[in-house]
Amino acid sequence: MAAAVTYSQIIAEMRRRADGLMAGTLDDLVKDYSFPLPVDLMSTRVIVRSREESLAMLALQRKVMLERGITELQPDVTAVDLPRAGRFRVWVDWHEISPGPEGGRVSSAVYFCSGTGGALRIQMIQYLRLSMPELKPQFAALALTA
């Protein structure tokens, strides 16, 4: 039986996700998703049904962040559930770093995950705070049209 994902592996995985989003290596990020992937954007739920939909949503998020001058995304893992039946939640604050006035925004999300041996699977994302609420309608439109 494979060992559960450790706290240090979760931190490293979120760091990898932040770096991948900023670098544009989106294919590497979507391989961790289980589809369909429910994404709660505060009062709106979007169901991401495919790899293509998730790539489109991540590309849009990256585009807006770069346009706003964000140069780095720093994850802060604030809590991790004890695993139950191989599933657990991860609370992450995503700090957007930029030299200009657009920096300093923070998104907070809960990732519903499963994983063993360092391989993390993301089964659902629930945003508690959005740094880019203006993207909510665009994300919903992408999920409906993709």
N, C-alpha and C. Protein backbone atom coordinates (compact mmCIF):
# COMPACT_ATOMS: atom_id res chain seq x y z
N MET A 1 0.84 -1.18 0.00
CA MET A 1 0.00 0.00 0.00
C MET A 1 0.89 1.25 0.00
N ALA A 2 0.60 2.19 -0.89
CA ALA A 2 1.41 3.40 -1.01
C ALA A 2 1.15 4.35 0.16
N ALA A 3 2.18 5.10 0.51
CA ALA A 3 2.06 6.05 1.61
C ALA A 3 1.23 7.25 1.19
N ALA A 4 0.61 7.87 2.17
CA ALA A 4 -0.20 9.08 1.92
C ALA A 4 0.71 10.24 1.53
N VAL A 5 0.14 11.22 0.91
CA VAL A 5 0.86 12.44 0.55
C VAL A 5 1.21 13.18 1.84
N THR A 6 2.46 13.63 1.96
CA THR A 6 2.90 14.33 3.16
C THR A 6 2.65 15.83 3.04
N TYR A 7 2.71 16.50 4.18
CA TYR A 7 2.53 17.95 4.21
C TYR A 7 3.57 18.65 3.34
N SER A 8 4.83 18.23 3.43
CA SER A 8 5.88 18.86 2.63
C SER A 8 5.66 18.61 1.14
N GLN A 9 5.11 17.45 0.77
CA GLN A 9 4.78 17.19 -0.64
C GLN A 9 3.65 18.09 -1.11
N ILE A 10 2.67 18.35 -0.25
CA ILE A 10 1.55 19.23 -0.60
C ILE A 10 2.07 20.66 -0.82
N ILE A 11 2.93 21.13 0.07
CA ILE A 11 3.51 22.47 -0.09
C ILE A 11 4.30 22.56 -1.40
N ALA A 12 5.12 21.54 -1.67
CA ALA A 12 5.90 21.52 -2.91
C ALA A 12 4.99 21.48 -4.13
N GLU A 13 3.90 20.74 -4.05
CA GLU A 13 2.96 20.65 -5.16
C GLU A 13 2.29 22.00 -5.42
N MET A 14 1.88 22.71 -4.41
CA MET A 14 1.25 24.02 -4.61
C MET A 14 2.27 25.02 -5.16
N ARG A 15 3.50 24.95 -4.71
CA ARG A 15 4.58 25.79 -5.26
C ARG A 15 4.76 25.48 -6.75
N ARG A 16 4.77 24.19 -7.10
CA ARG A 16 4.91 23.77 -8.50
C ARG A 16 3.75 24.31 -9.33
N ARG A 17 2.55 24.28 -8.76
CA ARG A 17 1.36 24.77 -9.47
C ARG A 17 1.48 26.28 -9.71
N ALA A 18 1.93 27.03 -8.71
CA ALA A 18 2.11 28.47 -8.86
C ALA A 18 3.14 28.78 -9.94
N ASP A 19 4.28 28.12 -9.88
CA ASP A 19 5.34 28.34 -10.86
C ASP A 19 4.89 27.95 -12.25
N GLY A 20 4.15 26.84 -12.36
CA GLY A 20 3.66 26.38 -13.65
C GLY A 20 2.67 27.34 -14.28
N LEU A 21 1.79 27.91 -13.47
CA LEU A 21 0.82 28.87 -13.99
C LEU A 21 1.55 30.11 -14.51
N MET A 22 2.49 30.62 -13.74
CA MET A 22 3.22 31.81 -14.18
C MET A 22 4.09 31.53 -15.40
N ALA A 23 4.64 30.33 -15.51
CA ALA A 23 5.50 29.97 -16.64
C ALA A 23 4.69 29.57 -17.87
N GLY A 24 3.40 29.30 -17.69
CA GLY A 24 2.57 28.90 -18.81
C GLY A 24 2.63 27.42 -19.15
N THR A 25 3.14 26.60 -18.24
CA THR A 25 3.18 25.15 -18.46
C THR A 25 1.86 24.54 -17.98
N LEU A 26 0.79 24.91 -18.66
CA LEU A 26 -0.56 24.57 -18.22
C LEU A 26 -0.88 23.09 -18.39
N ASP A 27 -0.32 22.45 -19.43
CA ASP A 27 -0.55 21.01 -19.63
C ASP A 27 -0.12 20.22 -18.40
N ASP A 28 0.95 20.65 -17.78
CA ASP A 28 1.46 19.98 -16.59
C ASP A 28 0.50 20.13 -15.41
N LEU A 29 -0.23 21.24 -15.37
CA LEU A 29 -1.14 21.49 -14.25
C LEU A 29 -2.43 20.69 -14.37
N VAL A 30 -2.97 20.56 -15.57
CA VAL A 30 -4.28 19.92 -15.71
C VAL A 30 -4.22 18.41 -15.52
N LYS A 31 -3.04 17.84 -15.59
CA LYS A 31 -2.94 16.38 -15.40
C LYS A 31 -3.31 15.96 -13.98
N ASP A 32 -3.31 16.92 -13.05
CA ASP A 32 -3.64 16.62 -11.66
C ASP A 32 -5.14 16.68 -11.37
N TYR A 33 -5.94 17.13 -12.35
CA TYR A 33 -7.38 17.28 -12.14
C TYR A 33 -8.12 15.99 -12.43
N SER A 34 -9.17 15.74 -11.67
CA SER A 34 -10.12 14.67 -11.96
C SER A 34 -11.34 15.34 -12.59
N PHE A 35 -11.80 14.81 -13.70
CA PHE A 35 -12.96 15.39 -14.40
C PHE A 35 -14.18 14.50 -14.24
N PRO A 36 -15.36 15.11 -14.15
CA PRO A 36 -15.62 16.54 -14.13
C PRO A 36 -15.11 17.15 -12.82
N LEU A 37 -14.67 18.42 -12.92
CA LEU A 37 -14.08 19.13 -11.79
C LEU A 37 -15.00 20.27 -11.39
N PRO A 38 -15.73 20.15 -10.28
CA PRO A 38 -16.53 21.28 -9.81
C PRO A 38 -15.62 22.38 -9.26
N VAL A 39 -15.90 23.62 -9.65
CA VAL A 39 -15.16 24.77 -9.15
C VAL A 39 -16.18 25.77 -8.64
N ASP A 40 -16.17 25.99 -7.33
CA ASP A 40 -17.08 26.97 -6.72
C ASP A 40 -16.38 28.32 -6.69
N LEU A 41 -16.98 29.29 -7.37
CA LEU A 41 -16.45 30.65 -7.43
C LEU A 41 -17.34 31.53 -6.58
N MET A 42 -17.29 31.30 -5.28
CA MET A 42 -18.14 32.00 -4.31
C MET A 42 -19.60 31.60 -4.56
N SER A 43 -20.37 32.42 -5.22
CA SER A 43 -21.80 32.13 -5.40
C SER A 43 -22.11 31.41 -6.71
N THR A 44 -21.10 31.08 -7.50
CA THR A 44 -21.30 30.42 -8.79
C THR A 44 -20.53 29.12 -8.82
N ARG A 45 -21.18 28.06 -9.28
CA ARG A 45 -20.47 26.79 -9.45
C ARG A 45 -20.29 26.53 -10.93
N VAL A 46 -19.07 26.24 -11.32
CA VAL A 46 -18.72 25.91 -12.69
C VAL A 46 -18.28 24.45 -12.69
N ILE A 47 -18.75 23.69 -13.65
CA ILE A 47 -18.29 22.31 -13.81
C ILE A 47 -17.33 22.27 -14.99
N VAL A 48 -16.08 22.01 -14.71
CA VAL A 48 -15.06 21.90 -15.75
C VAL A 48 -15.06 20.43 -16.18
N ARG A 49 -15.46 20.20 -17.41
CA ARG A 49 -15.72 18.83 -17.87
C ARG A 49 -14.55 18.16 -18.58
N SER A 50 -13.54 18.92 -18.97
CA SER A 50 -12.48 18.31 -19.76
C SER A 50 -11.15 19.02 -19.56
N ARG A 51 -10.14 18.37 -20.06
CA ARG A 51 -8.79 18.94 -20.06
C ARG A 51 -8.78 20.26 -20.83
N GLU A 52 -9.49 20.29 -21.96
CA GLU A 52 -9.53 21.49 -22.81
C GLU A 52 -10.16 22.67 -22.07
N GLU A 53 -11.27 22.42 -21.36
CA GLU A 53 -11.91 23.49 -20.59
C GLU A 53 -10.97 24.00 -19.50
N SER A 54 -10.29 23.09 -18.83
CA SER A 54 -9.38 23.52 -17.75
C SER A 54 -8.20 24.30 -18.33
N LEU A 55 -7.70 23.90 -19.49
CA LEU A 55 -6.62 24.65 -20.12
C LEU A 55 -7.08 26.07 -20.47
N ALA A 56 -8.30 26.20 -20.99
CA ALA A 56 -8.83 27.52 -21.35
C ALA A 56 -8.97 28.40 -20.11
N MET A 57 -9.45 27.84 -19.01
CA MET A 57 -9.63 28.62 -17.78
C MET A 57 -8.29 29.05 -17.20
N LEU A 58 -7.32 28.15 -17.17
CA LEU A 58 -6.00 28.51 -16.65
C LEU A 58 -5.32 29.54 -17.55
N ALA A 59 -5.48 29.41 -18.87
CA ALA A 59 -4.89 30.38 -19.80
C ALA A 59 -5.48 31.77 -19.59
N LEU A 60 -6.79 31.84 -19.37
CA LEU A 60 -7.44 33.12 -19.11
C LEU A 60 -6.94 33.72 -17.80
N GLN A 61 -6.85 32.90 -16.76
CA GLN A 61 -6.35 33.38 -15.47
C GLN A 61 -4.93 33.91 -15.61
N ARG A 62 -4.08 33.17 -16.30
CA ARG A 62 -2.68 33.58 -16.50
C ARG A 62 -2.61 34.89 -17.28
N LYS A 63 -3.39 35.01 -18.34
CA LYS A 63 -3.40 36.20 -19.19
C LYS A 63 -3.75 37.44 -18.36
N VAL A 64 -4.79 37.35 -17.56
CA VAL A 64 -5.22 38.49 -16.76
C VAL A 64 -4.16 38.84 -15.71
N MET A 65 -3.56 37.83 -15.11
CA MET A 65 -2.52 38.09 -14.11
C MET A 65 -1.32 38.80 -14.74
N LEU A 66 -0.90 38.33 -15.91
CA LEU A 66 0.24 38.96 -16.58
C LEU A 66 -0.10 40.39 -17.01
N GLU A 67 -1.33 40.61 -17.50
CA GLU A 67 -1.75 41.96 -17.88
C GLU A 67 -1.76 42.90 -16.67
N ARG A 68 -2.04 42.36 -15.49
CA ARG A 68 -2.04 43.17 -14.27
C ARG A 68 -0.64 43.36 -13.69
N GLY A 69 0.37 42.77 -14.32
CA GLY A 69 1.74 42.95 -13.86
C GLY A 69 2.18 41.99 -12.77
N ILE A 70 1.43 40.93 -12.56
CA ILE A 70 1.81 39.95 -11.54
C ILE A 70 3.06 39.22 -12.03
N THR A 71 4.09 39.20 -11.19
CA THR A 71 5.35 38.56 -11.56
C THR A 71 5.56 37.23 -10.84
N GLU A 72 4.83 37.03 -9.75
CA GLU A 72 5.00 35.80 -8.97
C GLU A 72 3.71 35.49 -8.24
N LEU A 73 3.48 34.21 -8.05
CA LEU A 73 2.34 33.74 -7.29
C LEU A 73 2.90 32.89 -6.15
N GLN A 74 2.59 33.29 -4.92
CA GLN A 74 3.13 32.58 -3.75
C GLN A 74 2.00 31.87 -3.02
N PRO A 75 2.05 30.53 -2.99
CA PRO A 75 1.04 29.79 -2.23
C PRO A 75 1.41 29.72 -0.76
N ASP A 76 0.41 29.84 0.07
CA ASP A 76 0.57 29.68 1.51
C ASP A 76 -0.45 28.62 1.94
N VAL A 77 0.04 27.41 2.20
CA VAL A 77 -0.84 26.32 2.65
C VAL A 77 -1.14 26.57 4.12
N THR A 78 -2.39 26.92 4.40
CA THR A 78 -2.74 27.31 5.76
C THR A 78 -3.27 26.15 6.60
N ALA A 79 -3.77 25.09 5.94
CA ALA A 79 -4.27 23.93 6.69
C ALA A 79 -4.41 22.74 5.74
N VAL A 80 -4.31 21.56 6.32
CA VAL A 80 -4.53 20.30 5.59
C VAL A 80 -5.32 19.38 6.50
N ASP A 81 -6.38 18.83 5.94
CA ASP A 81 -7.20 17.84 6.67
C ASP A 81 -6.42 16.57 6.94
N LEU A 82 -6.82 15.85 7.95
CA LEU A 82 -6.36 14.48 8.10
C LEU A 82 -7.09 13.66 7.05
N PRO A 83 -6.39 12.80 6.33
CA PRO A 83 -7.05 12.02 5.29
C PRO A 83 -8.12 11.09 5.86
N ARG A 84 -9.23 11.00 5.13
CA ARG A 84 -10.30 10.04 5.44
C ARG A 84 -10.63 9.31 4.16
N ALA A 85 -10.49 8.01 4.18
CA ALA A 85 -10.75 7.17 3.00
C ALA A 85 -9.94 7.67 1.80
N GLY A 86 -8.70 8.11 2.05
CA GLY A 86 -7.83 8.56 0.98
C GLY A 86 -8.10 9.95 0.46
N ARG A 87 -9.03 10.66 1.07
CA ARG A 87 -9.37 12.02 0.63
C ARG A 87 -9.07 13.02 1.75
N PHE A 88 -8.75 14.25 1.33
CA PHE A 88 -8.43 15.30 2.28
C PHE A 88 -8.61 16.65 1.60
N ARG A 89 -8.69 17.69 2.43
CA ARG A 89 -8.80 19.06 1.92
C ARG A 89 -7.52 19.82 2.23
N VAL A 90 -7.21 20.77 1.32
CA VAL A 90 -6.04 21.62 1.49
C VAL A 90 -6.50 23.07 1.33
N TRP A 91 -6.24 23.90 2.35
CA TRP A 91 -6.58 25.33 2.31
C TRP A 91 -5.34 26.09 1.86
N VAL A 92 -5.50 26.91 0.82
CA VAL A 92 -4.36 27.65 0.27
C VAL A 92 -4.74 29.11 0.05
N ASP A 93 -3.88 30.01 0.50
CA ASP A 93 -3.97 31.42 0.15
C ASP A 93 -2.95 31.65 -0.96
N TRP A 94 -3.41 32.23 -2.07
CA TRP A 94 -2.55 32.51 -3.23
C TRP A 94 -2.24 34.01 -3.23
N HIS A 95 -1.01 34.38 -2.93
CA HIS A 95 -0.58 35.78 -2.86
C HIS A 95 0.01 36.19 -4.21
N GLU A 96 -0.56 37.22 -4.81
CA GLU A 96 -0.08 37.74 -6.09
C GLU A 96 0.96 38.82 -5.81
N ILE A 97 2.13 38.66 -6.40
CA ILE A 97 3.24 39.59 -6.18
C ILE A 97 3.49 40.38 -7.46
N SER A 98 3.58 41.70 -7.30
CA SER A 98 3.91 42.55 -8.43
C SER A 98 4.57 43.81 -7.91
N PRO A 99 5.44 44.41 -8.72
CA PRO A 99 6.11 45.63 -8.28
C PRO A 99 5.16 46.84 -8.29
N GLY A 100 4.06 46.75 -9.01
CA GLY A 100 3.15 47.88 -9.15
C GLY A 100 1.98 47.81 -8.19
N PRO A 101 1.01 48.68 -8.41
CA PRO A 101 -0.15 48.77 -7.51
C PRO A 101 -1.11 47.58 -7.61
N GLU A 102 -0.97 46.74 -8.63
CA GLU A 102 -1.87 45.61 -8.80
C GLU A 102 -1.49 44.41 -7.94
N GLY A 103 -0.34 44.45 -7.30
CA GLY A 103 0.08 43.36 -6.43
C GLY A 103 -0.68 43.41 -5.12
N GLY A 104 -0.47 42.41 -4.31
CA GLY A 104 -1.08 42.39 -3.00
C GLY A 104 -2.45 41.74 -2.93
N ARG A 105 -3.00 41.35 -4.06
CA ARG A 105 -4.28 40.65 -4.03
C ARG A 105 -4.05 39.21 -3.57
N VAL A 106 -5.08 38.65 -2.94
CA VAL A 106 -5.00 37.29 -2.42
C VAL A 106 -6.28 36.55 -2.77
N SER A 107 -6.12 35.32 -3.26
CA SER A 107 -7.25 34.41 -3.42
C SER A 107 -7.10 33.32 -2.37
N SER A 108 -8.21 32.83 -1.87
CA SER A 108 -8.19 31.72 -0.91
C SER A 108 -9.06 30.61 -1.47
N ALA A 109 -8.54 29.39 -1.42
CA ALA A 109 -9.28 28.26 -1.97
C ALA A 109 -9.09 27.02 -1.11
N VAL A 110 -10.08 26.16 -1.18
CA VAL A 110 -10.00 24.84 -0.56
C VAL A 110 -9.95 23.84 -1.70
N TYR A 111 -8.94 23.00 -1.70
CA TYR A 111 -8.78 21.95 -2.70
C TYR A 111 -9.22 20.63 -2.08
N PHE A 112 -10.14 19.95 -2.73
CA PHE A 112 -10.59 18.64 -2.30
C PHE A 112 -9.77 17.63 -3.08
N CYS A 113 -8.95 16.87 -2.38
CA CYS A 113 -7.92 16.06 -3.03
C CYS A 113 -7.96 14.60 -2.60
N SER A 114 -7.25 13.82 -3.38
CA SER A 114 -6.90 12.46 -2.99
C SER A 114 -5.45 12.28 -3.43
N GLY A 115 -4.80 11.30 -2.86
CA GLY A 115 -3.43 11.09 -3.28
C GLY A 115 -2.69 10.10 -2.43
N THR A 116 -1.73 9.46 -3.07
CA THR A 116 -0.83 8.55 -2.38
C THR A 116 0.54 8.68 -3.01
N GLY A 117 1.55 8.43 -2.22
CA GLY A 117 2.91 8.42 -2.73
C GLY A 117 3.36 9.70 -3.40
N GLY A 118 2.83 10.82 -3.00
CA GLY A 118 3.26 12.09 -3.57
C GLY A 118 2.45 12.54 -4.77
N ALA A 119 1.58 11.69 -5.30
CA ALA A 119 0.75 12.07 -6.45
C ALA A 119 -0.57 12.65 -5.94
N LEU A 120 -0.79 13.92 -6.21
CA LEU A 120 -1.97 14.62 -5.75
C LEU A 120 -3.00 14.68 -6.87
N ARG A 121 -4.24 14.35 -6.57
CA ARG A 121 -5.35 14.49 -7.52
C ARG A 121 -6.30 15.53 -6.95
N ILE A 122 -6.66 16.51 -7.77
CA ILE A 122 -7.59 17.56 -7.34
C ILE A 122 -8.96 17.21 -7.90
N GLN A 123 -9.93 17.01 -6.98
CA GLN A 123 -11.26 16.56 -7.36
C GLN A 123 -12.30 17.67 -7.33
N MET A 124 -12.01 18.78 -6.63
CA MET A 124 -12.92 19.92 -6.54
C MET A 124 -12.14 21.09 -5.98
N ILE A 125 -12.53 22.32 -6.40
CA ILE A 125 -11.92 23.54 -5.85
C ILE A 125 -13.05 24.46 -5.39
N GLN A 126 -12.91 24.96 -4.19
CA GLN A 126 -13.90 25.90 -3.64
C GLN A 126 -13.17 27.19 -3.27
N TYR A 127 -13.47 28.26 -3.99
CA TYR A 127 -12.86 29.55 -3.67
C TYR A 127 -13.62 30.22 -2.54
N LEU A 128 -12.88 30.65 -1.53
CA LEU A 128 -13.45 31.38 -0.39
C LEU A 128 -13.28 32.88 -0.58
N ARG A 129 -12.28 33.25 -1.37
CA ARG A 129 -12.01 34.66 -1.71
C ARG A 129 -11.36 34.67 -3.08
N LEU A 130 -11.84 35.55 -3.96
CA LEU A 130 -11.31 35.66 -5.32
C LEU A 130 -10.53 36.94 -5.48
N SER A 131 -9.31 36.85 -6.00
CA SER A 131 -8.53 38.06 -6.27
C SER A 131 -8.99 38.71 -7.56
N MET A 132 -9.64 37.94 -8.42
CA MET A 132 -10.08 38.44 -9.72
C MET A 132 -11.57 38.15 -9.92
N PRO A 133 -12.44 38.77 -9.14
CA PRO A 133 -13.86 38.48 -9.28
C PRO A 133 -14.40 38.81 -10.67
N GLU A 134 -13.68 39.69 -11.39
CA GLU A 134 -14.11 40.04 -12.74
C GLU A 134 -14.04 38.84 -13.70
N LEU A 135 -13.30 37.80 -13.34
CA LEU A 135 -13.19 36.62 -14.19
C LEU A 135 -14.34 35.64 -14.02
N LYS A 136 -15.11 35.78 -12.96
CA LYS A 136 -16.17 34.82 -12.67
C LYS A 136 -17.12 34.61 -13.86
N PRO A 137 -17.65 35.67 -14.49
CA PRO A 137 -18.55 35.43 -15.62
C PRO A 137 -17.82 34.81 -16.81
N GLN A 138 -16.54 35.16 -17.01
CA GLN A 138 -15.80 34.59 -18.14
C GLN A 138 -15.53 33.10 -17.91
N PHE A 139 -15.21 32.70 -16.69
CA PHE A 139 -15.02 31.29 -16.38
C PHE A 139 -16.30 30.51 -16.62
N ALA A 140 -17.42 31.06 -16.16
CA ALA A 140 -18.72 30.40 -16.35
C ALA A 140 -19.03 30.26 -17.83
N ALA A 141 -18.76 31.29 -18.62
CA ALA A 141 -19.02 31.24 -20.06
C ALA A 141 -18.14 30.20 -20.75
N LEU A 142 -16.87 30.10 -20.34
CA LEU A 142 -15.97 29.11 -20.91
C LEU A 142 -16.49 27.69 -20.65
N ALA A 143 -16.92 27.45 -19.43
CA ALA A 143 -17.39 26.11 -19.06
C ALA A 143 -18.66 25.75 -19.81
N LEU A 144 -19.50 26.76 -20.10
CA LEU A 144 -20.73 26.48 -20.82
C LEU A 144 -20.52 26.30 -22.32
N THR A 145 -19.47 26.92 -22.88
CA THR A 145 -19.29 26.89 -24.32
C THR A 145 -18.23 25.89 -24.77
N ALA A 146 -17.34 25.50 -23.88
CA ALA A 146 -16.23 24.61 -24.28
C ALA A 146 -16.70 23.18 -24.47
